[in-house]
Amino acid sequence: LASHEAFDLGRSQWDLIVMSFAFTTLSDETYMRRVRDSLRPGGILLIEGFNGGPPREPNLILKSMLDYRVLLFEDLPGVADWGKVTAPLLRVALEKIASEPAP
C-alpha cells in the first residue's frame, strides 16, 4: 500500500492507467511525468474527475497532454456518480505517442 507519490509506477510497463476521481492534480508536473513514463508506447491514460476550484489556469489541462494523442476530451458540467450535483467534470482518453526511432 502506498500513496500516489510513493508508489513505484515503473517505466514503460503499463498498457492502461485509469485515474477516476483520483486525489491527484494534473498540475503536478513531476507526478504526471512519472505517469507518462510508466505507460508503454501506445498505452492509454483515462482521466475522469472534478475540474474546478481555484486557481484554475487556462489551458493547464491541455498543456499536460502535449506528449499524447487525444482520443477524447470533455470539460463540461456534468453529474458525478455520487452527490447528484452538477459540477465541472473532466473526461479524457489519451494515447501515449510512440517515440520516433533514431535515424
C-alpha atoms as a PDB file:
ATOM      1  CA  LEU A   1       0.000   0.000   0.000  1.00  0.00           C
ATOM      2  CA  ALA A   2       1.431   3.391  -0.971  1.00  0.00           C
ATOM      3  CA  SER A   3       0.348   6.916  -1.774  1.00  0.00           C
ATOM      4  CA  HIS A   4       0.358   8.019  -5.393  1.00  0.00           C
ATOM      5  CA  GLU A   5       3.598   9.917  -4.692  1.00  0.00           C
ATOM      6  CA  ALA A   6       5.350   6.867  -3.179  1.00  0.00           C
ATOM      7  CA  PHE A   7       4.080   4.106  -5.498  1.00  0.00           C
ATOM      8  CA  ASP A   8       6.714   2.911  -7.975  1.00  0.00           C
ATOM      9  CA  LEU A   9       4.982   3.267 -11.343  1.00  0.00           C
ATOM     10  CA  GLY A  10       7.992   1.844 -13.200  1.00  0.00           C
ATOM     11  CA  ARG A  11       8.914   2.676 -16.772  1.00  0.00           C
ATOM     12  CA  SER A  12       7.089   1.621 -19.949  1.00  0.00           C
ATOM     13  CA  GLN A  13       5.214  -1.150 -18.189  1.00  0.00           C
ATOM     14  CA  TRP A  14       1.513  -0.266 -18.303  1.00  0.00           C
ATOM     15  CA  ASP A  15      -0.894  -0.550 -21.233  1.00  0.00           C
ATOM     16  CA  LEU A  16      -3.650   1.282 -19.340  1.00  0.00           C
ATOM     17  CA  ILE A  17      -3.766   3.710 -16.410  1.00  0.00           C
ATOM     18  CA  VAL A  18      -7.121   4.902 -15.057  1.00  0.00           C
ATOM     19  CA  MET A  19      -7.376   7.990 -12.854  1.00  0.00           C
ATOM     20  CA  SER A  20     -11.044   8.111 -11.849  1.00  0.00           C
ATOM     21  CA  PHE A  21     -11.806  10.839  -9.333  1.00  0.00           C
ATOM     22  CA  ALA A  22      -8.267  10.333  -8.042  1.00  0.00           C
ATOM     23  CA  PHE A  23      -6.963  12.791  -5.490  1.00  0.00           C
ATOM     24  CA  THR A  24      -4.122  13.929  -7.714  1.00  0.00           C
ATOM     25  CA  THR A  25      -3.665  17.012  -9.807  1.00  0.00           C
ATOM     26  CA  LEU A  26      -2.761  17.400 -13.434  1.00  0.00           C
ATOM     27  CA  SER A  27      -0.743  20.461 -12.468  1.00  0.00           C
ATOM     28  CA  ASP A  28       1.763  18.264 -10.582  1.00  0.00           C
ATOM     29  CA  GLU A  29       4.268  18.070 -13.444  1.00  0.00           C
ATOM     30  CA  THR A  30       6.581  15.632 -11.641  1.00  0.00           C
ATOM     31  CA  TYR A  31       3.786  13.163 -10.957  1.00  0.00           C
ATOM     32  CA  MET A  32       2.263  13.449 -14.430  1.00  0.00           C
ATOM     33  CA  ARG A  33       5.723  12.873 -15.971  1.00  0.00           C
ATOM     34  CA  ARG A  34       6.007   9.682 -13.885  1.00  0.00           C
ATOM     35  CA  VAL A  35       2.581   8.575 -15.141  1.00  0.00           C
ATOM     36  CA  ARG A  36       3.571   9.270 -18.758  1.00  0.00           C
ATOM     37  CA  ASP A  37       6.923   7.491 -18.378  1.00  0.00           C
ATOM     38  CA  SER A  38       5.221   4.438 -16.880  1.00  0.00           C
ATOM     39  CA  LEU A  39       2.958   3.938 -19.927  1.00  0.00           C
ATOM     40  CA  ARG A  40       4.164   1.800 -22.800  1.00  0.00           C
ATOM     41  CA  PRO A  41       4.190   3.476 -26.226  1.00  0.00           C
ATOM     42  CA  GLY A  42       0.600   3.290 -27.422  1.00  0.00           C
ATOM     43  CA  GLY A  43      -0.608   2.945 -23.820  1.00  0.00           C
ATOM     44  CA  ILE A  44      -3.839   4.629 -22.777  1.00  0.00           C
ATOM     45  CA  LEU A  45      -4.410   7.101 -19.933  1.00  0.00           C
ATOM     46  CA  LEU A  46      -8.039   7.593 -18.873  1.00  0.00           C
ATOM     47  CA  ILE A  47      -8.898  10.505 -16.592  1.00  0.00           C
ATOM     48  CA  GLU A  48     -12.262  11.354 -15.077  1.00  0.00           C
ATOM     49  CA  GLY A  49     -12.811  13.732 -12.216  1.00  0.00           C
ATOM     50  CA  PHE A  50     -13.882  17.084 -10.963  1.00  0.00           C
ATOM     51  CA  ASN A  51     -12.317  20.013 -12.789  1.00  0.00           C
ATOM     52  CA  GLY A  52     -12.898  23.037 -10.708  1.00  0.00           C
ATOM     53  CA  GLY A  53     -11.878  25.097  -7.789  1.00  0.00           C
ATOM     54  CA  PRO A  54      -9.453  27.990  -7.728  1.00  0.00           C
ATOM     55  CA  PRO A  55      -6.935  28.615  -9.007  1.00  0.00           C
ATOM     56  CA  ARG A  56      -7.789  27.370 -12.484  1.00  0.00           C
ATOM     57  CA  GLU A  57      -5.134  28.218 -15.033  1.00  0.00           C
ATOM     58  CA  PRO A  58      -6.481  28.367 -18.604  1.00  0.00           C
ATOM     59  CA  ASN A  59      -5.198  25.506 -20.765  1.00  0.00           C
ATOM     60  CA  LEU A  60      -3.413  23.810 -17.839  1.00  0.00           C
ATOM     61  CA  ILE A  61      -5.044  20.506 -18.726  1.00  0.00           C
ATOM     62  CA  LEU A  62      -4.144  20.777 -22.401  1.00  0.00           C
ATOM     63  CA  LYS A  63      -0.531  21.652 -21.547  1.00  0.00           C
ATOM     64  CA  SER A  64      -0.224  18.380 -19.631  1.00  0.00           C
ATOM     65  CA  MET A  65      -1.334  16.426 -22.739  1.00  0.00           C
ATOM     66  CA  LEU A  66       1.304  17.531 -25.233  1.00  0.00           C
ATOM     67  CA  ASP A  67       3.010  14.116 -25.302  1.00  0.00           C
ATOM     68  CA  TYR A  68      -0.230  12.265 -26.038  1.00  0.00           C
ATOM     69  CA  ARG A  69      -2.697  11.778 -28.850  1.00  0.00           C
ATOM     70  CA  VAL A  70      -6.045  13.000 -27.536  1.00  0.00           C
ATOM     71  CA  LEU A  71      -8.750  10.398 -28.165  1.00  0.00           C
ATOM     72  CA  LEU A  72     -11.454  12.098 -26.083  1.00  0.00           C
ATOM     73  CA  PHE A  73     -11.593  15.447 -24.293  1.00  0.00           C
ATOM     74  CA  GLU A  74     -14.659  16.630 -22.378  1.00  0.00           C
ATOM     75  CA  ASP A  75     -14.541  19.552 -19.950  1.00  0.00           C
ATOM     76  CA  LEU A  76     -18.221  20.187 -19.299  1.00  0.00           C
ATOM     77  CA  PRO A  77     -20.681  20.500 -16.453  1.00  0.00           C
ATOM     78  CA  GLY A  78     -21.976  17.090 -15.509  1.00  0.00           C
ATOM     79  CA  VAL A  79     -23.265  14.962 -12.661  1.00  0.00           C
ATOM     80  CA  ALA A  80     -20.840  12.629 -10.916  1.00  0.00           C
ATOM     81  CA  ASP A  81     -21.922   9.098  -9.963  1.00  0.00           C
ATOM     82  CA  TRP A  82     -22.487  10.322  -6.417  1.00  0.00           C
ATOM     83  CA  GLY A  83     -23.721  13.596  -4.997  1.00  0.00           C
ATOM     84  CA  LYS A  84     -26.209  14.221  -7.813  1.00  0.00           C
ATOM     85  CA  VAL A  85     -24.938  17.792  -8.102  1.00  0.00           C
ATOM     86  CA  THR A  86     -23.863  19.427 -11.349  1.00  0.00           C
ATOM     87  CA  ALA A  87     -20.154  20.291 -11.299  1.00  0.00           C
ATOM     88  CA  PRO A  88     -17.346  20.833 -13.831  1.00  0.00           C
ATOM     89  CA  LEU A  89     -16.216  17.352 -14.900  1.00  0.00           C
ATOM     90  CA  LEU A  90     -13.205  16.337 -16.930  1.00  0.00           C
ATOM     91  CA  ARG A  91     -13.239  13.165 -19.040  1.00  0.00           C
ATOM     92  CA  VAL A  92     -10.150  12.449 -21.098  1.00  0.00           C
ATOM     93  CA  ALA A  93      -8.731   9.491 -23.029  1.00  0.00           C
ATOM     94  CA  LEU A  94      -5.106   9.826 -24.139  1.00  0.00           C
ATOM     95  CA  GLU A  95      -2.726   7.593 -26.062  1.00  0.00           C
ATOM     96  CA  LYS A  96       0.995   7.837 -25.380  1.00  0.00           C
ATOM     97  CA  ILE A  97       2.775   8.718 -28.598  1.00  0.00           C
ATOM     98  CA  ALA A  98       5.442   6.200 -29.538  1.00  0.00           C
ATOM     99  CA  SER A  99       8.835   7.851 -29.674  1.00  0.00           C
ATOM    100  CA  GLU A 100      10.366   8.144 -33.098  1.00  0.00           C
ATOM    101  CA  PRO A 101      13.225   5.719 -33.797  1.00  0.00           C
ATOM    102  CA  ALA A 102      16.630   7.319 -34.205  1.00  0.00           C
ATOM    103  CA  PRO A 103      17.685   7.682 -37.873  1.00  0.00           C
END
